[in-house]
mmCIF file of all heavy atoms, coordinates in Angstrom:
data_MODEL
# 
_entry.id   MODEL 
# 
loop_
_atom_site.group_PDB 
_atom_site.id 
_atom_site.type_symbol 
_atom_site.label_atom_id 
_atom_site.label_alt_id 
_atom_site.label_comp_id 
_atom_site.label_asym_id 
_atom_site.label_entity_id 
_atom_site.label_seq_id 
_atom_site.pdbx_PDB_ins_code 
_atom_site.Cartn_x 
_atom_site.Cartn_y 
_atom_site.Cartn_z 
_atom_site.occupancy 
_atom_site.B_iso_or_equiv 
_atom_site.pdbx_formal_charge 
_atom_site.auth_seq_id 
_atom_site.auth_comp_id 
_atom_site.auth_asym_id 
_atom_site.auth_atom_id 
_atom_site.pdbx_PDB_model_num 
ATOM 1   N N   . PRO A 1 1  ? 50.571 48.182 13.560 1.00 0.00 ? 1  PRO A N   1 
ATOM 2   C CA  . PRO A 1 1  ? 50.977 49.486 13.013 1.00 0.00 ? 1  PRO A CA  1 
ATOM 3   C C   . PRO A 1 1  ? 50.850 50.641 14.002 1.00 0.00 ? 1  PRO A C   1 
ATOM 4   O O   . PRO A 1 1  ? 51.494 51.686 13.828 1.00 0.00 ? 1  PRO A O   1 
ATOM 5   C CB  . PRO A 1 1  ? 50.020 49.672 11.822 1.00 0.00 ? 1  PRO A CB  1 
ATOM 6   C CG  . PRO A 1 1  ? 48.831 48.819 12.149 1.00 0.00 ? 1  PRO A CG  1 
ATOM 7   C CD  . PRO A 1 1  ? 49.380 47.638 12.885 1.00 0.00 ? 1  PRO A CD  1 
ATOM 8   N N   . ASP A 1 2  ? 50.057 50.459 15.055 1.00 0.00 ? 2  ASP A N   1 
ATOM 9   C CA  . ASP A 1 2  ? 49.865 51.543 16.019 1.00 0.00 ? 2  ASP A CA  1 
ATOM 10  C C   . ASP A 1 2  ? 50.951 51.583 17.097 1.00 0.00 ? 2  ASP A C   1 
ATOM 11  O O   . ASP A 1 2  ? 50.972 52.513 17.907 1.00 0.00 ? 2  ASP A O   1 
ATOM 12  C CB  . ASP A 1 2  ? 48.496 51.407 16.698 1.00 0.00 ? 2  ASP A CB  1 
ATOM 13  C CG  . ASP A 1 2  ? 47.343 51.594 15.719 1.00 0.00 ? 2  ASP A CG  1 
ATOM 14  O OD1 . ASP A 1 2  ? 47.546 52.290 14.705 1.00 0.00 ? 2  ASP A OD1 1 
ATOM 15  O OD2 . ASP A 1 2  ? 46.256 51.031 15.956 1.00 0.00 ? 2  ASP A OD2 1 
ATOM 16  N N   . SER A 1 3  ? 51.822 50.591 17.097 1.00 0.00 ? 3  SER A N   1 
ATOM 17  C CA  . SER A 1 3  ? 52.890 50.563 18.092 1.00 0.00 ? 3  SER A CA  1 
ATOM 18  C C   . SER A 1 3  ? 54.159 51.195 17.543 1.00 0.00 ? 3  SER A C   1 
ATOM 19  O O   . SER A 1 3  ? 54.467 51.062 16.346 1.00 0.00 ? 3  SER A O   1 
ATOM 20  C CB  . SER A 1 3  ? 53.177 49.124 18.526 1.00 0.00 ? 3  SER A CB  1 
ATOM 21  O OG  . SER A 1 3  ? 52.075 48.585 19.228 1.00 0.00 ? 3  SER A OG  1 
ATOM 22  N N   . GLU A 1 4  ? 54.887 51.888 18.377 1.00 0.00 ? 4  GLU A N   1 
ATOM 23  C CA  . GLU A 1 4  ? 56.087 52.599 17.945 1.00 0.00 ? 4  GLU A CA  1 
ATOM 24  C C   . GLU A 1 4  ? 57.243 51.651 17.630 1.00 0.00 ? 4  GLU A C   1 
ATOM 25  O O   . GLU A 1 4  ? 58.119 51.994 16.828 1.00 0.00 ? 4  GLU A O   1 
ATOM 26  C CB  . GLU A 1 4  ? 56.516 53.593 19.033 1.00 0.00 ? 4  GLU A CB  1 
ATOM 27  C CG  . GLU A 1 4  ? 55.502 54.703 19.279 1.00 0.00 ? 4  GLU A CG  1 
ATOM 28  C CD  . GLU A 1 4  ? 55.952 55.648 20.384 1.00 0.00 ? 4  GLU A CD  1 
ATOM 29  O OE1 . GLU A 1 4  ? 57.121 55.515 20.820 1.00 0.00 ? 4  GLU A OE1 1 
ATOM 30  O OE2 . GLU A 1 4  ? 55.155 56.504 20.801 1.00 0.00 ? 4  GLU A OE2 1 
ATOM 31  N N   . SER A 1 5  ? 57.264 50.482 18.266 1.00 0.00 ? 5  SER A N   1 
ATOM 32  C CA  . SER A 1 5  ? 58.359 49.543 18.079 1.00 0.00 ? 5  SER A CA  1 
ATOM 33  C C   . SER A 1 5  ? 57.902 48.157 18.529 1.00 0.00 ? 5  SER A C   1 
ATOM 34  O O   . SER A 1 5  ? 56.816 47.998 19.101 1.00 0.00 ? 5  SER A O   1 
ATOM 35  C CB  . SER A 1 5  ? 59.579 49.966 18.922 1.00 0.00 ? 5  SER A CB  1 
ATOM 36  O OG  . SER A 1 5  ? 59.258 49.901 20.310 1.00 0.00 ? 5  SER A OG  1 
ATOM 37  N N   . TYR A 1 6  ? 58.740 47.170 18.272 1.00 0.00 ? 6  TYR A N   1 
ATOM 38  C CA  . TYR A 1 6  ? 58.466 45.815 18.733 1.00 0.00 ? 6  TYR A CA  1 
ATOM 39  C C   . TYR A 1 6  ? 58.332 45.819 20.266 1.00 0.00 ? 6  TYR A C   1 
ATOM 40  O O   . TYR A 1 6  ? 57.408 45.230 20.840 1.00 0.00 ? 6  TYR A O   1 
ATOM 41  C CB  . TYR A 1 6  ? 59.629 44.907 18.296 1.00 0.00 ? 6  TYR A CB  1 
ATOM 42  C CG  . TYR A 1 6  ? 59.333 43.417 18.231 1.00 0.00 ? 6  TYR A CG  1 
ATOM 43  C CD1 . TYR A 1 6  ? 60.080 42.603 17.377 1.00 0.00 ? 6  TYR A CD1 1 
ATOM 44  C CD2 . TYR A 1 6  ? 58.351 42.815 19.004 1.00 0.00 ? 6  TYR A CD2 1 
ATOM 45  C CE1 . TYR A 1 6  ? 59.841 41.230 17.293 1.00 0.00 ? 6  TYR A CE1 1 
ATOM 46  C CE2 . TYR A 1 6  ? 58.108 41.450 18.928 1.00 0.00 ? 6  TYR A CE2 1 
ATOM 47  C CZ  . TYR A 1 6  ? 58.855 40.660 18.076 1.00 0.00 ? 6  TYR A CZ  1 
ATOM 48  O OH  . TYR A 1 6  ? 58.630 39.309 18.004 1.00 0.00 ? 6  TYR A OH  1 
ATOM 49  N N   . THR A 1 7  ? 59.230 46.506 20.941 1.00 0.00 ? 7  THR A N   1 
ATOM 50  C CA  . THR A 1 7  ? 59.174 46.587 22.399 1.00 0.00 ? 7  THR A CA  1 
ATOM 51  C C   . THR A 1 7  ? 57.898 47.251 22.870 1.00 0.00 ? 7  THR A C   1 
ATOM 52  O O   . THR A 1 7  ? 57.290 46.831 23.870 1.00 0.00 ? 7  THR A O   1 
ATOM 53  C CB  . THR A 1 7  ? 60.398 47.373 22.930 1.00 0.00 ? 7  THR A CB  1 
ATOM 54  O OG1 . THR A 1 7  ? 61.594 46.717 22.499 1.00 0.00 ? 7  THR A OG1 1 
ATOM 55  C CG2 . THR A 1 7  ? 60.386 47.459 24.451 1.00 0.00 ? 7  THR A CG2 1 
ATOM 56  N N   . ASP A 1 8  ? 57.462 48.249 22.147 1.00 0.00 ? 8  ASP A N   1 
ATOM 57  C CA  . ASP A 1 8  ? 56.240 48.970 22.517 1.00 0.00 ? 8  ASP A CA  1 
ATOM 58  C C   . ASP A 1 8  ? 55.014 48.067 22.448 1.00 0.00 ? 8  ASP A C   1 
ATOM 59  O O   . ASP A 1 8  ? 54.060 48.263 23.216 1.00 0.00 ? 8  ASP A O   1 
ATOM 60  C CB  . ASP A 1 8  ? 56.055 50.184 21.611 1.00 0.00 ? 8  ASP A CB  1 
ATOM 61  C CG  . ASP A 1 8  ? 54.887 51.058 22.034 1.00 0.00 ? 8  ASP A CG  1 
ATOM 62  O OD1 . ASP A 1 8  ? 54.835 51.422 23.230 1.00 0.00 ? 8  ASP A OD1 1 
ATOM 63  O OD2 . ASP A 1 8  ? 54.029 51.359 21.186 1.00 0.00 ? 8  ASP A OD2 1 
ATOM 64  N N   . VAL A 1 9  ? 55.026 47.080 21.556 1.00 0.00 ? 9  VAL A N   1 
ATOM 65  C CA  . VAL A 1 9  ? 53.906 46.133 21.481 1.00 0.00 ? 9  VAL A CA  1 
ATOM 66  C C   . VAL A 1 9  ? 53.723 45.448 22.830 1.00 0.00 ? 9  VAL A C   1 
ATOM 67  O O   . VAL A 1 9  ? 52.622 45.412 23.394 1.00 0.00 ? 9  VAL A O   1 
ATOM 68  C CB  . VAL A 1 9  ? 54.146 45.077 20.378 1.00 0.00 ? 9  VAL A CB  1 
ATOM 69  C CG1 . VAL A 1 9  ? 53.057 44.003 20.428 1.00 0.00 ? 9  VAL A CG1 1 
ATOM 70  C CG2 . VAL A 1 9  ? 54.178 45.728 19.005 1.00 0.00 ? 9  VAL A CG2 1 
ATOM 71  N N   . TYR A 1 10 ? 54.796 44.903 23.362 1.00 0.00 ? 10 TYR A N   1 
ATOM 72  C CA  . TYR A 1 10 ? 54.712 44.218 24.647 1.00 0.00 ? 10 TYR A CA  1 
ATOM 73  C C   . TYR A 1 10 ? 54.413 45.191 25.783 1.00 0.00 ? 10 TYR A C   1 
ATOM 74  O O   . TYR A 1 10 ? 53.646 44.878 26.706 1.00 0.00 ? 10 TYR A O   1 
ATOM 75  C CB  . TYR A 1 10 ? 56.019 43.472 24.928 1.00 0.00 ? 10 TYR A CB  1 
ATOM 76  C CG  . TYR A 1 10 ? 56.266 42.298 24.017 1.00 0.00 ? 10 TYR A CG  1 
ATOM 77  C CD1 . TYR A 1 10 ? 57.438 42.213 23.261 1.00 0.00 ? 10 TYR A CD1 1 
ATOM 78  C CD2 . TYR A 1 10 ? 55.348 41.257 23.903 1.00 0.00 ? 10 TYR A CD2 1 
ATOM 79  C CE1 . TYR A 1 10 ? 57.685 41.124 22.427 1.00 0.00 ? 10 TYR A CE1 1 
ATOM 80  C CE2 . TYR A 1 10 ? 55.583 40.170 23.073 1.00 0.00 ? 10 TYR A CE2 1 
ATOM 81  C CZ  . TYR A 1 10 ? 56.752 40.111 22.337 1.00 0.00 ? 10 TYR A CZ  1 
ATOM 82  O OH  . TYR A 1 10 ? 56.992 39.035 21.512 1.00 0.00 ? 10 TYR A OH  1 
ATOM 83  N N   . HIS A 1 11 ? 55.037 46.356 25.723 1.00 0.00 ? 11 HIS A N   1 
ATOM 84  C CA  . HIS A 1 11 ? 54.836 47.347 26.777 1.00 0.00 ? 11 HIS A CA  1 
ATOM 85  C C   . HIS A 1 11 ? 53.375 47.797 26.822 1.00 0.00 ? 11 HIS A C   1 
ATOM 86  O O   . HIS A 1 11 ? 52.792 47.967 27.914 1.00 0.00 ? 11 HIS A O   1 
ATOM 87  C CB  . HIS A 1 11 ? 55.753 48.544 26.531 1.00 0.00 ? 11 HIS A CB  1 
ATOM 88  C CG  . HIS A 1 11 ? 55.723 49.567 27.629 1.00 0.00 ? 11 HIS A CG  1 
ATOM 89  N ND1 . HIS A 1 11 ? 55.900 49.252 28.956 1.00 0.00 ? 11 HIS A ND1 1 
ATOM 90  C CD2 . HIS A 1 11 ? 55.538 50.918 27.584 1.00 0.00 ? 11 HIS A CD2 1 
ATOM 91  C CE1 . HIS A 1 11 ? 55.837 50.349 29.691 1.00 0.00 ? 11 HIS A CE1 1 
ATOM 92  N NE2 . HIS A 1 11 ? 55.607 51.365 28.876 1.00 0.00 ? 11 HIS A NE2 1 
ATOM 93  N N   . LYS A 1 12 ? 52.782 47.957 25.657 1.00 0.00 ? 12 LYS A N   1 
ATOM 94  C CA  . LYS A 1 12 ? 51.388 48.404 25.546 1.00 0.00 ? 12 LYS A CA  1 
ATOM 95  C C   . LYS A 1 12 ? 50.432 47.448 26.255 1.00 0.00 ? 12 LYS A C   1 
ATOM 96  O O   . LYS A 1 12 ? 49.409 47.869 26.804 1.00 0.00 ? 12 LYS A O   1 
ATOM 97  C CB  . LYS A 1 12 ? 51.034 48.521 24.066 1.00 0.00 ? 12 LYS A CB  1 
ATOM 98  C CG  . LYS A 1 12 ? 49.627 48.997 23.763 1.00 0.00 ? 12 LYS A CG  1 
ATOM 99  C CD  . LYS A 1 12 ? 49.441 49.110 22.253 1.00 0.00 ? 12 LYS A CD  1 
ATOM 100 C CE  . LYS A 1 12 ? 48.060 49.608 21.901 1.00 0.00 ? 12 LYS A CE  1 
ATOM 101 N NZ  . LYS A 1 12 ? 47.895 49.703 20.418 1.00 0.00 ? 12 LYS A NZ  1 
ATOM 102 N N   . TYR A 1 13 ? 50.795 46.167 26.247 1.00 0.00 ? 13 TYR A N   1 
ATOM 103 C CA  . TYR A 1 13 ? 49.921 45.153 26.847 1.00 0.00 ? 13 TYR A CA  1 
ATOM 104 C C   . TYR A 1 13 ? 50.425 44.665 28.209 1.00 0.00 ? 13 TYR A C   1 
ATOM 105 O O   . TYR A 1 13 ? 50.089 43.575 28.661 1.00 0.00 ? 13 TYR A O   1 
ATOM 106 C CB  . TYR A 1 13 ? 49.761 43.977 25.877 1.00 0.00 ? 13 TYR A CB  1 
ATOM 107 C CG  . TYR A 1 13 ? 49.046 44.380 24.594 1.00 0.00 ? 13 TYR A CG  1 
ATOM 108 C CD1 . TYR A 1 13 ? 49.728 44.389 23.374 1.00 0.00 ? 13 TYR A CD1 1 
ATOM 109 C CD2 . TYR A 1 13 ? 47.714 44.773 24.623 1.00 0.00 ? 13 TYR A CD2 1 
ATOM 110 C CE1 . TYR A 1 13 ? 49.085 44.777 22.204 1.00 0.00 ? 13 TYR A CE1 1 
ATOM 111 C CE2 . TYR A 1 13 ? 47.067 45.165 23.450 1.00 0.00 ? 13 TYR A CE2 1 
ATOM 112 C CZ  . TYR A 1 13 ? 47.759 45.161 22.252 1.00 0.00 ? 13 TYR A CZ  1 
ATOM 113 O OH  . TYR A 1 13 ? 47.113 45.545 21.092 1.00 0.00 ? 13 TYR A OH  1 
ATOM 114 N N   . ASN A 1 14 ? 51.246 45.493 28.851 1.00 0.00 ? 14 ASN A N   1 
ATOM 115 C CA  . ASN A 1 14 ? 51.731 45.223 30.221 1.00 0.00 ? 14 ASN A CA  1 
ATOM 116 C C   . ASN A 1 14 ? 52.508 43.914 30.332 1.00 0.00 ? 14 ASN A C   1 
ATOM 117 O O   . ASN A 1 14 ? 52.444 43.225 31.356 1.00 0.00 ? 14 ASN A O   1 
ATOM 118 C CB  . ASN A 1 14 ? 50.551 45.217 31.203 1.00 0.00 ? 14 ASN A CB  1 
ATOM 119 C CG  . ASN A 1 14 ? 49.824 46.541 31.259 1.00 0.00 ? 14 ASN A CG  1 
ATOM 120 O OD1 . ASN A 1 14 ? 50.456 47.586 31.376 1.00 0.00 ? 14 ASN A OD1 1 
ATOM 121 N ND2 . ASN A 1 14 ? 48.512 46.502 31.136 1.00 0.00 ? 14 ASN A ND2 1 
ATOM 122 N N   . LEU A 1 15 ? 53.251 43.600 29.284 1.00 0.00 ? 15 LEU A N   1 
ATOM 123 C CA  . LEU A 1 15 ? 54.051 42.384 29.282 1.00 0.00 ? 15 LEU A CA  1 
ATOM 124 C C   . LEU A 1 15 ? 55.535 42.653 29.516 1.00 0.00 ? 15 LEU A C   1 
ATOM 125 O O   . LEU A 1 15 ? 56.348 41.724 29.469 1.00 0.00 ? 15 LEU A O   1 
ATOM 126 C CB  . LEU A 1 15 ? 53.851 41.632 27.964 1.00 0.00 ? 15 LEU A CB  1 
ATOM 127 C CG  . LEU A 1 15 ? 52.465 40.986 27.799 1.00 0.00 ? 15 LEU A CG  1 
ATOM 128 C CD1 . LEU A 1 15 ? 52.227 40.582 26.355 1.00 0.00 ? 15 LEU A CD1 1 
ATOM 129 C CD2 . LEU A 1 15 ? 52.324 39.783 28.728 1.00 0.00 ? 15 LEU A CD2 1 
ATOM 130 N N   . LEU A 1 16 ? 55.888 43.905 29.769 1.00 0.00 ? 16 LEU A N   1 
ATOM 131 C CA  . LEU A 1 16 ? 57.262 44.239 30.153 1.00 0.00 ? 16 LEU A CA  1 
ATOM 132 C C   . LEU A 1 16 ? 57.269 44.595 31.629 1.00 0.00 ? 16 LEU A C   1 
ATOM 133 O O   . LEU A 1 16 ? 56.816 45.674 32.023 1.00 0.00 ? 16 LEU A O   1 
ATOM 134 C CB  . LEU A 1 16 ? 57.803 45.414 29.333 1.00 0.00 ? 16 LEU A CB  1 
ATOM 135 C CG  . LEU A 1 16 ? 58.260 45.169 27.902 1.00 0.00 ? 16 LEU A CG  1 
ATOM 136 C CD1 . LEU A 1 16 ? 58.963 46.413 27.365 1.00 0.00 ? 16 LEU A CD1 1 
ATOM 137 C CD2 . LEU A 1 16 ? 59.174 43.964 27.795 1.00 0.00 ? 16 LEU A CD2 1 
ATOM 138 N N   . THR A 1 17 ? 57.762 43.682 32.453 1.00 0.00 ? 17 THR A N   1 
ATOM 139 C CA  . THR A 1 17 ? 57.824 43.907 33.895 1.00 0.00 ? 17 THR A CA  1 
ATOM 140 C C   . THR A 1 17 ? 59.205 43.489 34.392 1.00 0.00 ? 17 THR A C   1 
ATOM 141 O O   . THR A 1 17 ? 60.029 42.993 33.623 1.00 0.00 ? 17 THR A O   1 
ATOM 142 C CB  . THR A 1 17 ? 56.752 43.078 34.640 1.00 0.00 ? 17 THR A CB  1 
ATOM 143 O OG1 . THR A 1 17 ? 57.169 41.698 34.675 1.00 0.00 ? 17 THR A OG1 1 
ATOM 144 C CG2 . THR A 1 17 ? 55.401 43.177 33.953 1.00 0.00 ? 17 THR A CG2 1 
ATOM 145 N N   . ASP A 1 18 ? 59.432 43.647 35.686 1.00 0.00 ? 18 ASP A N   1 
ATOM 146 C CA  . ASP A 1 18 ? 60.727 43.234 36.231 1.00 0.00 ? 18 ASP A CA  1 
ATOM 147 C C   . ASP A 1 18 ? 60.821 41.718 36.387 1.00 0.00 ? 18 ASP A C   1 
ATOM 148 O O   . ASP A 1 18 ? 61.822 41.203 36.888 1.00 0.00 ? 18 ASP A O   1 
ATOM 149 C CB  . ASP A 1 18 ? 61.009 43.927 37.567 1.00 0.00 ? 18 ASP A CB  1 
ATOM 150 C CG  . ASP A 1 18 ? 59.978 43.604 38.636 1.00 0.00 ? 18 ASP A CG  1 
ATOM 151 O OD1 . ASP A 1 18 ? 59.023 42.845 38.358 1.00 0.00 ? 18 ASP A OD1 1 
ATOM 152 O OD2 . ASP A 1 18 ? 60.114 44.124 39.758 1.00 0.00 ? 18 ASP A OD2 1 
ATOM 153 N N   . LYS A 1 19 ? 59.785 40.992 35.935 1.00 0.00 ? 19 LYS A N   1 
ATOM 154 C CA  . LYS A 1 19 ? 59.825 39.531 35.906 1.00 0.00 ? 19 LYS A CA  1 
ATOM 155 C C   . LYS A 1 19 ? 59.681 39.004 34.475 1.00 0.00 ? 19 LYS A C   1 
ATOM 156 O O   . LYS A 1 19 ? 59.311 37.856 34.257 1.00 0.00 ? 19 LYS A O   1 
ATOM 157 C CB  . LYS A 1 19 ? 58.728 38.949 36.808 1.00 0.00 ? 19 LYS A CB  1 
ATOM 158 C CG  . LYS A 1 19 ? 58.905 39.321 38.272 1.00 0.00 ? 19 LYS A CG  1 
ATOM 159 C CD  . LYS A 1 19 ? 57.791 38.780 39.144 1.00 0.00 ? 19 LYS A CD  1 
ATOM 160 C CE  . LYS A 1 19 ? 57.965 37.313 39.447 1.00 0.00 ? 19 LYS A CE  1 
ATOM 161 N NZ  . LYS A 1 19 ? 56.993 36.833 40.465 1.00 0.00 ? 19 LYS A NZ  1 
ATOM 162 N N   . THR A 1 20 ? 60.007 39.862 33.511 1.00 0.00 ? 20 THR A N   1 
ATOM 163 C CA  . THR A 1 20 ? 59.936 39.497 32.091 1.00 0.00 ? 20 THR A CA  1 
ATOM 164 C C   . THR A 1 20 ? 61.320 39.199 31.557 1.00 0.00 ? 20 THR A C   1 
ATOM 165 O O   . THR A 1 20 ? 62.274 39.929 31.822 1.00 0.00 ? 20 THR A O   1 
ATOM 166 C CB  . THR A 1 20 ? 59.326 40.645 31.258 1.00 0.00 ? 20 THR A CB  1 
ATOM 167 O OG1 . THR A 1 20 ? 57.967 40.841 31.642 1.00 0.00 ? 20 THR A OG1 1 
ATOM 168 C CG2 . THR A 1 20 ? 59.379 40.331 29.763 1.00 0.00 ? 20 THR A CG2 1 
ATOM 169 N N   . VAL A 1 21 ? 61.426 38.118 30.759 1.00 0.00 ? 21 VAL A N   1 
ATOM 170 C CA  . VAL A 1 21 ? 62.653 37.844 30.017 1.00 0.00 ? 21 VAL A CA  1 
ATOM 171 C C   . VAL A 1 21 ? 62.292 37.641 28.550 1.00 0.00 ? 21 VAL A C   1 
ATOM 172 O O   . VAL A 1 21 ? 61.424 36.843 28.221 1.00 0.00 ? 21 VAL A O   1 
ATOM 173 C CB  . VAL A 1 21 ? 63.416 36.621 30.582 1.00 0.00 ? 21 VAL A CB  1 
ATOM 174 C CG1 . VAL A 1 21 ? 62.552 35.367 30.589 1.00 0.00 ? 21 VAL A CG1 1 
ATOM 175 C CG2 . VAL A 1 21 ? 64.706 36.384 29.815 1.00 0.00 ? 21 VAL A CG2 1 
ATOM 176 N N   . MET A 1 22 ? 62.937 38.405 27.685 1.00 0.00 ? 22 MET A N   1 
ATOM 177 C CA  . MET A 1 22 ? 62.707 38.342 26.245 1.00 0.00 ? 22 MET A CA  1 
ATOM 178 C C   . MET A 1 22 ? 63.960 37.800 25.554 1.00 0.00 ? 22 MET A C   1 
ATOM 179 O O   . MET A 1 22 ? 65.075 38.276 25.796 1.00 0.00 ? 22 MET A O   1 
ATOM 180 C CB  . MET A 1 22 ? 62.386 39.733 25.689 1.00 0.00 ? 22 MET A CB  1 
ATOM 181 C CG  . MET A 1 22 ? 61.044 40.286 26.133 1.00 0.00 ? 22 MET A CG  1 
ATOM 182 S SD  . MET A 1 22 ? 59.710 39.530 25.202 1.00 0.00 ? 22 MET A SD  1 
ATOM 183 C CE  . MET A 1 22 ? 58.271 40.190 26.066 1.00 0.00 ? 22 MET A CE  1 
ATOM 184 N N   . ALA A 1 23 ? 63.767 36.810 24.694 1.00 0.00 ? 23 ALA A N   1 
ATOM 185 C CA  . ALA A 1 23 ? 64.900 36.195 24.012 1.00 0.00 ? 23 ALA A CA  1 
ATOM 186 C C   . ALA A 1 23 ? 65.321 36.995 22.790 1.00 0.00 ? 23 ALA A C   1 
ATOM 187 O O   . ALA A 1 23 ? 64.480 37.536 22.068 1.00 0.00 ? 23 ALA A O   1 
ATOM 188 C CB  . ALA A 1 23 ? 64.554 34.767 23.592 1.00 0.00 ? 23 ALA A CB  1 
ATOM 189 N N   . HIS A 1 24 ? 66.620 37.075 22.566 1.00 0.00 ? 24 HIS A N   1 
ATOM 190 C CA  . HIS A 1 24 ? 67.290 37.601 21.373 1.00 0.00 ? 24 HIS A CA  1 
ATOM 191 C C   . HIS A 1 24 ? 67.549 39.104 21.437 1.00 0.00 ? 24 HIS A C   1 
ATOM 192 O O   . HIS A 1 24 ? 68.600 39.534 21.880 1.00 0.00 ? 24 HIS A O   1 
ATOM 193 C CB  . HIS A 1 24 ? 66.543 37.199 20.099 1.00 0.00 ? 24 HIS A CB  1 
ATOM 194 C CG  . HIS A 1 24 ? 66.361 35.725 19.973 1.00 0.00 ? 24 HIS A CG  1 
ATOM 195 N ND1 . HIS A 1 24 ? 67.426 34.865 19.794 1.00 0.00 ? 24 HIS A ND1 1 
ATOM 196 C CD2 . HIS A 1 24 ? 65.251 34.944 20.050 1.00 0.00 ? 24 HIS A CD2 1 
ATOM 197 C CE1 . HIS A 1 24 ? 66.983 33.624 19.753 1.00 0.00 ? 24 HIS A CE1 1 
ATOM 198 N NE2 . HIS A 1 24 ? 65.670 33.643 19.924 1.00 0.00 ? 24 HIS A NE2 1 
# 
């Protein structure tokens, strides 16, 4: 609930990088 969006969840935990691929 504290994250602004689904993407923000991953971004918050440093899981969005230039070597990240997310399906769908």
